[in-house]
C-alpha atoms as a PDB file:
ATOM      1  CA  MET A   1     -75.278 -37.392 -37.158  1.00  0.00           C
ATOM      2  CA  THR A   2     -72.711 -38.545 -34.541  1.00  0.00           C
ATOM      3  CA  ALA A   3     -72.138 -42.193 -33.642  1.00  0.00           C
ATOM      4  CA  GLU A   4     -74.051 -42.071 -30.419  1.00  0.00           C
ATOM      5  CA  ALA A   5     -77.161 -40.412 -32.197  1.00  0.00           C
ATOM      6  CA  VAL A   6     -76.839 -43.052 -34.592  1.00  0.00           C
ATOM      7  CA  THR A   7     -76.482 -46.262 -31.964  1.00  0.00           C
ATOM      8  CA  ALA A   8     -79.685 -44.371 -30.071  1.00  0.00           C
ATOM      9  CA  VAL A   9     -81.916 -44.362 -33.159  1.00  0.00           C
ATOM     10  CA  ARG A  10     -80.859 -47.558 -33.280  1.00  0.00           C
ATOM     11  CA  ALA A  11     -81.645 -48.913 -29.589  1.00  0.00           C
ATOM     12  CA  PRO A  12     -85.432 -49.103 -29.594  1.00  0.00           C
ATOM     13  CA  ASP A  13     -85.551 -51.453 -33.304  1.00  0.00           C
ATOM     14  CA  ALA A  14     -82.707 -53.576 -31.389  1.00  0.00           C
ATOM     15  CA  ARG A  15     -84.483 -53.687 -28.145  1.00  0.00           C
ATOM     16  CA  SER A  16     -88.268 -54.651 -30.422  1.00  0.00           C
ATOM     17  CA  ARG A  17     -86.202 -57.778 -32.288  1.00  0.00           C
ATOM     18  CA  PHE A  18     -84.860 -58.766 -28.347  1.00  0.00           C
ATOM     19  CA  ARG A  19     -88.223 -58.883 -27.443  1.00  0.00           C
ATOM     20  CA  LEU A  20     -89.255 -60.987 -30.710  1.00  0.00           C
ATOM     21  CA  TYR A  21     -86.785 -63.161 -29.946  1.00  0.00           C
ATOM     22  CA  VAL A  22     -87.324 -63.595 -26.063  1.00  0.00           C
ATOM     23  CA  TRP A  23     -91.353 -64.911 -26.977  1.00  0.00           C
ATOM     24  CA  ALA A  24     -89.591 -66.897 -29.778  1.00  0.00           C
ATOM     25  CA  VAL A  25     -87.261 -68.686 -26.351  1.00  0.00           C
ATOM     26  CA  LEU A  26     -90.494 -68.825 -24.612  1.00  0.00           C
ATOM     27  CA  GLY A  27     -91.884 -70.969 -27.580  1.00  0.00           C
ATOM     28  CA  LEU A  28     -89.151 -73.194 -27.852  1.00  0.00           C
ATOM     29  CA  THR A  29     -88.652 -73.784 -23.903  1.00  0.00           C
ATOM     30  CA  VAL A  30     -92.440 -74.807 -24.186  1.00  0.00           C
ATOM     31  CA  ALA A  31     -92.004 -77.404 -27.371  1.00  0.00           C
ATOM     32  CA  VAL A  32     -89.045 -78.903 -25.534  1.00  0.00           C
ATOM     33  CA  ILE A  33     -90.860 -79.229 -22.733  1.00  0.00           C
ATOM     34  CA  VAL A  34     -93.533 -81.241 -24.532  1.00  0.00           C
ATOM     35  CA  SER A  35     -90.550 -82.783 -25.807  1.00  0.00           C
ATOM     36  CA  GLY A  36     -89.864 -84.455 -22.270  1.00  0.00           C
ATOM     37  CA  ASP A  37     -93.549 -85.145 -21.976  1.00  0.00           C
ATOM     38  CA  ILE A  38     -93.732 -87.119 -24.687  1.00  0.00           C
ATOM     39  CA  VAL A  39     -90.195 -89.731 -23.684  1.00  0.00           C
ATOM     40  CA  GLN A  40     -92.478 -90.389 -20.088  1.00  0.00           C
ATOM     41  CA  ALA A  41     -95.289 -91.228 -22.372  1.00  0.00           C
ATOM     42  CA  THR A  42     -93.408 -93.368 -24.800  1.00  0.00           C
ATOM     43  CA  GLU A  43     -91.205 -94.954 -21.716  1.00  0.00           C
ATOM     44  CA  SER A  44     -88.573 -93.865 -24.090  1.00  0.00           C
ATOM     45  CA  GLY A  45     -86.630 -92.200 -20.921  1.00  0.00           C
ATOM     46  CA  ALA A  46     -83.949 -95.072 -21.212  1.00  0.00           C
ATOM     47  CA  GLY A  47     -83.622 -94.397 -24.860  1.00  0.00           C
ATOM     48  CA  CYS A  48     -79.939 -93.730 -24.763  1.00  0.00           C
ATOM     49  CA  GLY A  49     -79.413 -95.630 -22.025  1.00  0.00           C
ATOM     50  CA  GLU A  50     -77.677 -94.124 -18.839  1.00  0.00           C
ATOM     51  CA  SER A  51     -74.925 -92.091 -20.689  1.00  0.00           C
ATOM     52  CA  TRP A  52     -75.171 -88.375 -20.165  1.00  0.00           C
ATOM     53  CA  PRO A  53     -74.785 -85.915 -22.177  1.00  0.00           C
ATOM     54  CA  ARG A  54     -74.053 -88.819 -24.519  1.00  0.00           C
ATOM     55  CA  CYS A  55     -76.295 -90.940 -26.042  1.00  0.00           C
ATOM     56  CA  ASP A  56     -75.652 -94.591 -25.823  1.00  0.00           C
ATOM     57  CA  GLY A  57     -71.918 -93.488 -25.640  1.00  0.00           C
ATOM     58  CA  SER A  58     -72.103 -91.521 -29.177  1.00  0.00           C
ATOM     59  CA  LEU A  59     -73.109 -88.113 -29.523  1.00  0.00           C
ATOM     60  CA  VAL A  60     -74.997 -89.224 -32.490  1.00  0.00           C
ATOM     61  CA  PRO A  61     -75.908 -92.460 -31.766  1.00  0.00           C
ATOM     62  CA  ALA A  62     -77.616 -95.266 -34.266  1.00  0.00           C
ATOM     63  CA  ILE A  63     -81.353 -95.107 -34.356  1.00  0.00           C
ATOM     64  CA  GLY A  64     -81.783 -98.693 -33.564  1.00  0.00           C
ATOM     65  CA  ASP A  65     -85.482 -98.181 -32.001  1.00  0.00           C
ATOM     66  CA  ALA A  66     -88.431 -95.531 -31.764  1.00  0.00           C
ATOM     67  CA  GLY A  67     -87.185 -95.087 -27.613  1.00  0.00           C
ATOM     68  CA  THR A  68     -83.506 -93.765 -28.382  1.00  0.00           C
ATOM     69  CA  ALA A  69     -85.091 -91.737 -31.607  1.00  0.00           C
ATOM     70  CA  VAL A  70     -87.989 -90.037 -29.152  1.00  0.00           C
ATOM     71  CA  GLU A  71     -85.378 -89.357 -26.129  1.00  0.00           C
ATOM     72  CA  PHE A  72     -82.222 -88.415 -28.638  1.00  0.00           C
ATOM     73  CA  THR A  73     -84.519 -85.245 -30.317  1.00  0.00           C
ATOM     74  CA  HIS A  74     -85.192 -84.225 -26.660  1.00  0.00           C
ATOM     75  CA  ARG A  75     -81.946 -84.115 -26.105  1.00  0.00           C
ATOM     76  CA  MET A  76     -81.052 -82.006 -29.405  1.00  0.00           C
ATOM     77  CA  ALA A  77     -84.108 -79.719 -28.328  1.00  0.00           C
ATOM     78  CA  THR A  78     -83.036 -79.301 -25.272  1.00  0.00           C
ATOM     79  CA  THR A  79     -79.771 -78.395 -26.924  1.00  0.00           C
ATOM     80  CA  LEU A  80     -80.798 -76.044 -28.921  1.00  0.00           C
ATOM     81  CA  LEU A  81     -82.952 -74.179 -26.153  1.00  0.00           C
ATOM     82  CA  SER A  82     -79.396 -73.838 -24.494  1.00  0.00           C
ATOM     83  CA  LEU A  83     -77.871 -72.135 -27.280  1.00  0.00           C
ATOM     84  CA  SER A  84     -81.142 -69.926 -27.575  1.00  0.00           C
ATOM     85  CA  PHE A  85     -80.577 -69.195 -24.040  1.00  0.00           C
ATOM     86  CA  VAL A  86     -76.944 -68.136 -25.237  1.00  0.00           C
ATOM     87  CA  GLY A  87     -78.487 -65.396 -27.213  1.00  0.00           C
ATOM     88  CA  LEU A  88     -80.636 -64.355 -24.586  1.00  0.00           C
ATOM     89  CA  VAL A  89     -77.618 -63.178 -22.260  1.00  0.00           C
ATOM     90  CA  PHE A  90     -76.117 -61.957 -24.877  1.00  0.00           C
ATOM     91  CA  GLY A  91     -78.843 -59.757 -26.163  1.00  0.00           C
ATOM     92  CA  ALA A  92     -79.845 -59.127 -22.474  1.00  0.00           C
ATOM     93  CA  TRP A  93     -76.123 -57.454 -22.225  1.00  0.00           C
ATOM     94  CA  ARG A  94     -75.768 -56.178 -25.427  1.00  0.00           C
ATOM     95  CA  TYR A  95     -79.127 -53.838 -25.776  1.00  0.00           C
ATOM     96  CA  PHE A  96     -79.725 -53.584 -21.560  1.00  0.00           C
ATOM     97  CA  ARG A  97     -77.752 -51.893 -18.711  1.00  0.00           C
ATOM     98  CA  ARG A  98     -76.212 -54.731 -16.256  1.00  0.00           C
ATOM     99  CA  GLU A  99     -78.525 -52.695 -13.717  1.00  0.00           C
ATOM    100  CA  HIS A 100     -81.532 -53.134 -15.979  1.00  0.00           C
ATOM    101  CA  PRO A 101     -83.813 -55.551 -14.486  1.00  0.00           C
ATOM    102  CA  VAL A 102     -83.893 -57.471 -17.900  1.00  0.00           C
ATOM    103  CA  TRP A 103     -80.340 -58.165 -17.661  1.00  0.00           C
ATOM    104  CA  ARG A 104     -81.140 -59.884 -14.179  1.00  0.00           C
ATOM    105  CA  ALA A 105     -84.127 -61.717 -14.791  1.00  0.00           C
ATOM    106  CA  THR A 106     -82.350 -63.344 -17.886  1.00  0.00           C
ATOM    107  CA  LEU A 107     -79.623 -64.305 -15.488  1.00  0.00           C
ATOM    108  CA  VAL A 108     -82.402 -66.126 -13.122  1.00  0.00           C
ATOM    109  CA  ALA A 109     -83.938 -67.630 -15.930  1.00  0.00           C
ATOM    110  CA  THR A 110     -80.616 -68.921 -17.009  1.00  0.00           C
ATOM    111  CA  ALA A 111     -80.250 -70.535 -13.675  1.00  0.00           C
ATOM    112  CA  PHE A 112     -83.606 -72.160 -13.849  1.00  0.00           C
ATOM    113  CA  LEU A 113     -82.988 -73.617 -17.072  1.00  0.00           C
ATOM    114  CA  VAL A 114     -79.496 -75.216 -16.038  1.00  0.00           C
ATOM    115  CA  ALA A 115     -81.392 -76.729 -12.827  1.00  0.00           C
ATOM    116  CA  GLU A 116     -83.623 -78.328 -15.952  1.00  0.00           C
ATOM    117  CA  ILE A 117     -81.052 -79.871 -17.388  1.00  0.00           C
ATOM    118  CA  LEU A 118     -79.159 -81.305 -14.344  1.00  0.00           C
ATOM    119  CA  ILE A 119     -82.608 -82.530 -12.893  1.00  0.00           C
ATOM    120  CA  GLY A 120     -83.157 -84.611 -16.241  1.00  0.00           C
ATOM    121  CA  ALA A 121     -79.390 -85.629 -16.200  1.00  0.00           C
ATOM    122  CA  ALA A 122     -80.294 -86.983 -12.436  1.00  0.00           C
ATOM    123  CA  LEU A 123     -83.404 -88.667 -14.058  1.00  0.00           C
ATOM    124  CA  VAL A 124     -81.369 -90.688 -16.672  1.00  0.00           C
ATOM    125  CA  LEU A 125     -77.895 -90.873 -14.437  1.00  0.00           C
ATOM    126  CA  PHE A 126     -79.949 -92.561 -11.274  1.00  0.00           C
ATOM    127  CA  GLY A 127     -82.216 -94.728 -13.503  1.00  0.00           C
ATOM    128  CA  TRP A 128     -85.283 -92.910 -12.365  1.00  0.00           C
ATOM    129  CA  VAL A 129     -86.726 -93.530 -16.128  1.00  0.00           C
ATOM    130  CA  GLU A 130     -88.998 -95.894 -17.719  1.00  0.00           C
ATOM    131  CA  ASP A 131     -90.452 -98.805 -15.312  1.00  0.00           C
ATOM    132  CA  ASP A 132     -88.618 -97.242 -12.467  1.00  0.00           C
ATOM    133  CA  ALA A 133     -91.117 -96.900  -8.960  1.00  0.00           C
ATOM    134  CA  SER A 134     -88.414 -95.311  -6.497  1.00  0.00           C
ATOM    135  CA  TRP A 135     -89.416 -92.230  -4.198  1.00  0.00           C
ATOM    136  CA  GLY A 136     -86.118 -90.719  -5.936  1.00  0.00           C
ATOM    137  CA  ARG A 137     -87.981 -90.404  -9.075  1.00  0.00           C
ATOM    138  CA  VAL A 138     -91.270 -89.059  -7.765  1.00  0.00           C
ATOM    139  CA  VAL A 139     -89.614 -86.281  -5.765  1.00  0.00           C
ATOM    140  CA  ALA A 140     -87.105 -85.648  -9.226  1.00  0.00           C
ATOM    141  CA  ASP A 141     -90.564 -85.598 -11.228  1.00  0.00           C
ATOM    142  CA  GLY A 142     -92.326 -83.128  -8.701  1.00  0.00           C
ATOM    143  CA  LEU A 143     -89.002 -80.941  -8.268  1.00  0.00           C
ATOM    144  CA  HIS A 144     -89.052 -81.224 -12.589  1.00  0.00           C
ATOM    145  CA  VAL A 145     -92.450 -79.512 -12.762  1.00  0.00           C
ATOM    146  CA  VAL A 146     -91.915 -76.695 -10.151  1.00  0.00           C
ATOM    147  CA  ASN A 147     -88.683 -76.025 -12.139  1.00  0.00           C
ATOM    148  CA  THR A 148     -89.984 -76.022 -15.215  1.00  0.00           C
ATOM    149  CA  PHE A 149     -93.152 -72.903 -14.226  1.00  0.00           C
ATOM    150  CA  LEU A 150     -90.791 -71.144 -12.822  1.00  0.00           C
ATOM    151  CA  LEU A 151     -88.426 -71.454 -15.608  1.00  0.00           C
ATOM    152  CA  LEU A 152     -91.405 -70.682 -17.723  1.00  0.00           C
ATOM    153  CA  ALA A 153     -92.490 -67.468 -15.638  1.00  0.00           C
ATOM    154  CA  ALA A 154     -88.537 -66.101 -15.795  1.00  0.00           C
ATOM    155  CA  VAL A 155     -88.822 -66.037 -19.724  1.00  0.00           C
ATOM    156  CA  THR A 156     -92.051 -64.439 -19.498  1.00  0.00           C
ATOM    157  CA  ILE A 157     -90.689 -61.888 -16.878  1.00  0.00           C
ATOM    158  CA  VAL A 158     -87.886 -61.366 -19.179  1.00  0.00           C
ATOM    159  CA  ALA A 159     -90.504 -60.693 -22.228  1.00  0.00           C
ATOM    160  CA  TRP A 160     -92.356 -58.128 -20.119  1.00  0.00           C
ATOM    161  CA  LEU A 161     -89.483 -56.118 -18.862  1.00  0.00           C
ATOM    162  CA  ALA A 162     -87.903 -56.085 -22.096  1.00  0.00           C
ATOM    163  CA  ALA A 163     -90.938 -54.042 -23.134  1.00  0.00           C
ATOM    164  CA  ASP A 164     -89.808 -51.440 -21.028  1.00  0.00           C
ATOM    165  CA  ARG A 165     -92.719 -52.321 -18.445  1.00  0.00           C
ATOM    166  CA  PRO A 166     -92.525 -52.320 -14.677  1.00  0.00           C
ATOM    167  CA  LEU A 167     -92.426 -55.382 -12.624  1.00  0.00           C
ATOM    168  CA  PRO A 168     -95.401 -55.143  -9.780  1.00  0.00           C
ATOM    169  CA  ARG A 169     -94.473 -56.089  -6.862  1.00  0.00           C
ATOM    170  CA  LEU A 170     -97.408 -58.534  -5.187  1.00  0.00           C
ATOM    171  CA  ARG A 171     -98.402 -57.848  -2.017  1.00  0.00           C
ATOM    172  CA  LEU A 172    -100.869 -59.987  -0.046  1.00  0.00           C
ATOM    173  CA  SER A 173    -102.041 -56.960   1.783  1.00  0.00           C
ATOM    174  CA  ARG A 174    -103.896 -56.006  -1.537  1.00  0.00           C
ATOM    175  CA  ARG A 175    -106.932 -58.164  -2.427  1.00  0.00           C
ATOM    176  CA  PRO A 176    -105.846 -58.736  -6.137  1.00  0.00           C
ATOM    177  CA  ASP A 177    -102.567 -59.447  -4.872  1.00  0.00           C
ATOM    178  CA  ARG A 178    -104.006 -62.812  -2.707  1.00  0.00           C
ATOM    179  CA  LEU A 179    -106.340 -63.245  -5.584  1.00  0.00           C
ATOM    180  CA  VAL A 180    -103.716 -64.008  -8.435  1.00  0.00           C
ATOM    181  CA  ILE A 181    -101.550 -65.543  -6.203  1.00  0.00           C
ATOM    182  CA  ALA A 182    -104.282 -68.065  -5.155  1.00  0.00           C
ATOM    183  CA  ALA A 183    -104.848 -68.892  -8.297  1.00  0.00           C
ATOM    184  CA  GLY A 184    -101.050 -69.560  -9.310  1.00  0.00           C
ATOM    185  CA  ALA A 185    -100.826 -71.378  -6.228  1.00  0.00           C
ATOM    186  CA  THR A 186    -103.616 -73.951  -7.764  1.00  0.00           C
ATOM    187  CA  VAL A 187    -101.982 -74.334 -11.228  1.00  0.00           C
ATOM    188  CA  LEU A 188     -99.179 -75.317  -9.334  1.00  0.00           C
ATOM    189  CA  LEU A 189    -100.736 -78.214  -7.290  1.00  0.00           C
ATOM    190  CA  ILE A 190    -102.883 -79.384 -10.671  1.00  0.00           C
ATOM    191  CA  ALA A 191     -99.603 -79.395 -12.168  1.00  0.00           C
ATOM    192  CA  ILE A 192     -98.007 -81.397  -9.319  1.00  0.00           C
ATOM    193  CA  THR A 193    -100.626 -84.009  -9.311  1.00  0.00           C
ATOM    194  CA  GLY A 194    -101.397 -84.364 -12.968  1.00  0.00           C
ATOM    195  CA  THR A 195     -97.294 -85.296 -12.825  1.00  0.00           C
ATOM    196  CA  ILE A 196     -97.954 -87.637  -9.903  1.00  0.00           C
ATOM    197  CA  ASN A 197    -100.688 -89.086 -11.821  1.00  0.00           C
ATOM    198  CA  SER A 198     -98.805 -89.313 -15.185  1.00  0.00           C
ATOM    199  CA  LEU A 199     -96.435 -91.393 -13.620  1.00  0.00           C
ATOM    200  CA  ALA A 200     -98.699 -93.577 -11.686  1.00  0.00           C
ATOM    201  CA  ASP A 201    -100.133 -94.381 -15.179  1.00  0.00           C
ATOM    202  CA  THR A 202     -97.038 -95.121 -16.652  1.00  0.00           C
ATOM    203  CA  LEU A 203     -96.141 -97.719 -14.338  1.00  0.00           C
ATOM    204  CA  TYR A 204    -100.046 -99.024 -14.256  1.00  0.00           C
ATOM    205  CA  LEU A 205     -99.755 -99.389 -17.593  1.00  0.00           C
ATOM    206  CA  SER A 206     -96.479-101.133 -17.904  1.00  0.00           C
ATOM    207  CA  ASP A 207     -95.757-104.903 -18.331  1.00  0.00           C
ATOM    208  CA  SER A 208     -92.796-104.500 -16.573  1.00  0.00           C
ATOM    209  CA  VAL A 209     -94.427-103.303 -13.109  1.00  0.00           C
ATOM    210  CA  ASP A 210     -96.137-105.773 -10.776  1.00  0.00           C
ATOM    211  CA  VAL A 211     -98.121-103.052  -8.989  1.00  0.00           C
ATOM    212  CA  ASP A 212     -99.503-105.371  -6.569  1.00  0.00           C
ATOM    213  CA  ALA A 213     -96.037-106.176  -5.563  1.00  0.00           C
ATOM    214  CA  THR A 214     -94.335-102.452  -5.801  1.00  0.00           C
ATOM    215  CA  PRO A 215     -95.757-100.438  -2.639  1.00  0.00           C
ATOM    216  CA  ILE A 216     -94.579 -97.125  -4.111  1.00  0.00           C
ATOM    217  CA  ALA A 217     -96.326 -98.024  -7.580  1.00  0.00           C
ATOM    218  CA  ALA A 218     -99.553 -99.482  -5.566  1.00  0.00           C
ATOM    219  CA  ILE A 219     -99.497 -96.092  -3.781  1.00  0.00           C
ATOM    220  CA  LEU A 220     -99.347 -93.848  -6.696  1.00  0.00           C
ATOM    221  CA  VAL A 221    -101.659 -96.058  -8.599  1.00  0.00           C
ATOM    222  CA  THR A 222    -104.007 -95.793  -5.608  1.00  0.00           C
ATOM    223  CA  ILE A 223    -103.988 -92.080  -5.488  1.00  0.00           C
ATOM    224  CA  ARG A 224    -103.754 -91.542  -8.901  1.00  0.00           C
ATOM    225  CA  GLY A 225    -107.537 -90.254  -9.007  1.00  0.00           C
ATOM    226  CA  VAL A 226    -106.719 -87.414  -7.145  1.00  0.00           C
ATOM    227  CA  HIS A 227    -105.523 -85.459  -9.985  1.00  0.00           C
ATOM    228  CA  PRO A 228    -109.019 -85.291 -11.703  1.00  0.00           C
ATOM    229  CA  VAL A 229    -110.291 -84.144  -8.771  1.00  0.00           C
ATOM    230  CA  VAL A 230    -107.852 -81.045  -7.745  1.00  0.00           C
ATOM    231  CA  ALA A 231    -108.145 -80.667 -11.606  1.00  0.00           C
ATOM    232  CA  VAL A 232    -111.605 -79.958 -11.682  1.00  0.00           C
ATOM    233  CA  ALA A 233    -112.080 -78.314  -8.017  1.00  0.00           C
ATOM    234  CA  GLY A 234    -109.028 -76.188  -8.864  1.00  0.00           C
ATOM    235  CA  GLY A 235    -110.300 -75.177 -11.896  1.00  0.00           C
ATOM    236  CA  VAL A 236    -113.712 -73.790 -11.269  1.00  0.00           C
ATOM    237  CA  ALA A 237    -111.606 -71.849  -8.171  1.00  0.00           C
ATOM    238  CA  ILE A 238    -109.593 -69.874 -10.660  1.00  0.00           C
ATOM    239  CA  VAL A 239    -112.670 -69.388 -12.708  1.00  0.00           C
ATOM    240  CA  TYR A 240    -113.915 -68.127  -9.408  1.00  0.00           C
ATOM    241  CA  LEU A 241    -110.941 -65.895  -8.532  1.00  0.00           C
ATOM    242  CA  THR A 242    -110.342 -64.399 -11.731  1.00  0.00           C
ATOM    243  CA  ILE A 243    -113.902 -63.536 -12.009  1.00  0.00           C
ATOM    244  CA  ARG A 244    -114.142 -61.696  -8.256  1.00  0.00           C
ATOM    245  CA  LEU A 245    -110.567 -59.870  -9.900  1.00  0.00           C
ATOM    246  CA  THR A 246    -112.717 -58.859 -12.659  1.00  0.00           C
ATOM    247  CA  GLU A 247    -115.684 -57.175 -10.512  1.00  0.00           C
ATOM    248  CA  LEU A 248    -112.602 -55.860  -8.013  1.00  0.00           C
ATOM    249  CA  LEU A 249    -111.089 -53.816 -11.316  1.00  0.00           C
ATOM    250  CA  GLY A 250    -113.549 -53.086 -13.174  1.00  0.00           C
ATOM    251  CA  GLU A 251    -112.322 -51.355 -16.392  1.00  0.00           C
ATOM    252  CA  ALA A 252    -108.261 -51.600 -14.970  1.00  0.00           C
ATOM    253  CA  ALA A 253    -108.998 -55.601 -15.628  1.00  0.00           C
ATOM    254  CA  PRO A 254    -105.984 -56.933 -16.807  1.00  0.00           C
ATOM    255  CA  ARG A 255    -107.050 -58.505 -20.783  1.00  0.00           C
ATOM    256  CA  PRO A 256    -105.327 -61.851 -20.459  1.00  0.00           C
ATOM    257  CA  ILE A 257    -108.128 -62.592 -17.474  1.00  0.00           C
ATOM    258  CA  SER A 258    -110.780 -63.620 -20.303  1.00  0.00           C
ATOM    259  CA  LEU A 259    -107.674 -66.004 -22.232  1.00  0.00           C
ATOM    260  CA  VAL A 260    -107.411 -67.498 -18.919  1.00  0.00           C
ATOM    261  CA  GLN A 261    -110.711 -68.570 -18.343  1.00  0.00           C
ATOM    262  CA  VAL A 262    -111.128 -69.750 -21.655  1.00  0.00           C
ATOM    263  CA  ILE A 263    -108.074 -72.290 -21.555  1.00  0.00           C
ATOM    264  CA  ILE A 264    -109.666 -73.428 -18.250  1.00  0.00           C
ATOM    265  CA  GLY A 265    -112.971 -74.476 -20.356  1.00  0.00           C
ATOM    266  CA  LEU A 266    -110.254 -76.016 -23.365  1.00  0.00           C
ATOM    267  CA  GLN A 267    -108.861 -78.199 -20.319  1.00  0.00           C
ATOM    268  CA  PHE A 268    -111.785 -79.491 -19.196  1.00  0.00           C
ATOM    269  CA  VAL A 269    -112.987 -80.836 -22.562  1.00  0.00           C
ATOM    270  CA  VAL A 270    -109.536 -82.037 -22.994  1.00  0.00           C
ATOM    271  CA  GLY A 271    -109.345 -83.498 -19.832  1.00  0.00           C
ATOM    272  CA  VAL A 272    -112.202 -85.398 -20.100  1.00  0.00           C
ATOM    273  CA  LEU A 273    -111.236 -86.610 -23.569  1.00  0.00           C
ATOM    274  CA  ASN A 274    -108.260 -87.976 -22.296  1.00  0.00           C
ATOM    275  CA  ILE A 275    -109.996 -90.380 -19.632  1.00  0.00           C
ATOM    276  CA  LEU A 276    -112.308 -91.467 -22.168  1.00  0.00           C
ATOM    277  CA  LEU A 277    -109.724 -92.565 -24.527  1.00  0.00           C
ATOM    278  CA  LEU A 278    -107.649 -93.821 -21.907  1.00  0.00           C
ATOM    279  CA  THR A 279    -104.632 -91.357 -22.415  1.00  0.00           C
ATOM    280  CA  PRO A 280    -103.464 -91.247 -25.475  1.00  0.00           C
ATOM    281  CA  LEU A 281    -100.583 -89.327 -26.175  1.00  0.00           C
ATOM    282  CA  GLU A 282    -102.293 -86.796 -28.606  1.00  0.00           C
ATOM    283  CA  THR A 283    -104.259 -85.375 -25.724  1.00  0.00           C
ATOM    284  CA  GLN A 284    -101.621 -85.876 -23.488  1.00  0.00           C
ATOM    285  CA  VAL A 285     -99.696 -83.462 -25.789  1.00  0.00           C
ATOM    286  CA  ILE A 286    -102.628 -80.738 -26.050  1.00  0.00           C
ATOM    287  CA  HIS A 287    -103.299 -81.283 -22.286  1.00  0.00           C
ATOM    288  CA  LEU A 288     -99.617 -79.949 -21.524  1.00  0.00           C
ATOM    289  CA  ILE A 289     -99.649 -77.103 -23.870  1.00  0.00           C
ATOM    290  CA  LEU A 290    -102.623 -75.891 -22.212  1.00  0.00           C
ATOM    291  CA  ALA A 291    -100.986 -76.328 -18.914  1.00  0.00           C
ATOM    292  CA  ASP A 292     -97.776 -73.786 -20.211  1.00  0.00           C
ATOM    293  CA  ALA A 293    -100.567 -71.755 -21.467  1.00  0.00           C
ATOM    294  CA  LEU A 294    -103.005 -71.070 -18.355  1.00  0.00           C
ATOM    295  CA  TRP A 295     -99.816 -70.897 -16.621  1.00  0.00           C
ATOM    296  CA  ILE A 296     -98.349 -68.017 -18.610  1.00  0.00           C
ATOM    297  CA  SER A 297    -101.473 -65.902 -19.039  1.00  0.00           C
ATOM    298  CA  LEU A 298    -101.635 -65.867 -15.497  1.00  0.00           C
ATOM    299  CA  LEU A 299     -98.379 -64.997 -14.778  1.00  0.00           C
ATOM    300  CA  LEU A 300     -99.449 -61.826 -17.783  1.00  0.00           C
ATOM    301  CA  VAL A 301    -102.466 -61.379 -15.382  1.00  0.00           C
ATOM    302  CA  ALA A 302    -100.338 -61.019 -12.369  1.00  0.00           C
ATOM    303  CA  LEU A 303     -97.831 -58.415 -14.204  1.00  0.00           C
ATOM    304  CA  ALA A 304    -100.806 -56.337 -15.538  1.00  0.00           C
ATOM    305  CA  LEU A 305    -102.286 -55.838 -12.483  1.00  0.00           C
ATOM    306  CA  PRO A 306    -102.648 -51.769 -11.085  1.00  0.00           C
ATOM    307  CA  SER A 307    -100.371 -50.751  -8.650  1.00  0.00           C
ATOM    308  CA  ARG A 308    -103.021 -49.333  -6.531  1.00  0.00           C
ATOM    309  CA  ASP A 309    -106.172 -50.839  -5.558  1.00  0.00           C
ATOM    310  CA  GLN A 310    -109.228 -49.993  -7.970  1.00  0.00           C
ATOM    311  CA  ARG A 311    -112.869 -50.167  -7.773  1.00  0.00           C
ATOM    312  CA  PRO A 312    -115.042 -51.238 -10.927  1.00  0.00           C
ATOM    313  CA  ARG A 313    -116.463 -47.827 -12.227  1.00  0.00           C
ATOM    314  CA  PRO A 314    -120.394 -46.916 -11.918  1.00  0.00           C
ATOM    315  CA  ALA A 315    -122.219 -47.354 -15.013  1.00  0.00           C
ATOM    316  CA  SER A 316    -122.795 -43.822 -15.874  1.00  0.00           C
ATOM    317  CA  SER A 317    -126.061 -42.081 -15.705  1.00  0.00           C
ATOM    318  CA  PRO A 318    -127.708 -41.057 -19.078  1.00  0.00           C
ATOM    319  CA  THR A 319    -127.524 -37.012 -19.613  1.00  0.00           C
ATOM    320  CA  PRO A 320    -130.882 -35.091 -19.341  1.00  0.00           C
ATOM    321  CA  VAL A 321    -132.396 -33.954 -22.404  1.00  0.00           C
END
């Protein structure tokens, strides 16, 4: 057997391993996002001081308190994720041609990772952490959550393309596409209001912030009731949109639609518990994981949409005896 033939035989196995690797990178990405949420929830953003990428001026700092441990752990997780992206880029270059969509999607995903790291660095270097109540922090947090969701989307698309599946083009002229786009926009809106709500809770519960004397903190605390309303209304809207999508496509409806609906139900339960229990860290973490899972599941629905409009198949009439 020639060397070219051996390479051709091994290529499918290598690409299969690469796909598994991409899903592992996606899981690690979610873990890093969760660790970042723990940093904010525990007010550990300044655990390494205002130095970056060093922590308290050292690569490996002395762990003197919980804040330093939480922030340093998050930074180490981000470093591990960055190294995993090095493997992602190498694998895309090694197992796919540079003209292949996998290669281009991997570069886009890496760009979002770089942006994620830079936004995180800005939060530390500008002091937009812990008890800081500034418009800079509000804007940075908003950009952070949007970029995070774009990063998750990009890595999911890499995994999809690595399975030799086509990348659909969503068009507003098609009704199924409009339904999925509306659902995706709703998830982003819920996520952005959730980020603002989380920041408001942090400032409101802080012993170092006088909400009444801090205009920005007062505004955020005043509007923090917006998120539960948006979340409930948005969740109902997403369920309705997915039901309409199922009715429209019939048997051609993507399977992840049911997963989206289940996650929405779980989010309602966790959201209520989060409020009743006064936002403990455990429910916040579960809430965020479910939000990421919802976004990824909805994206898989969009990727699996049929290329043409389809109508539900009518029930087959019984065959006469």
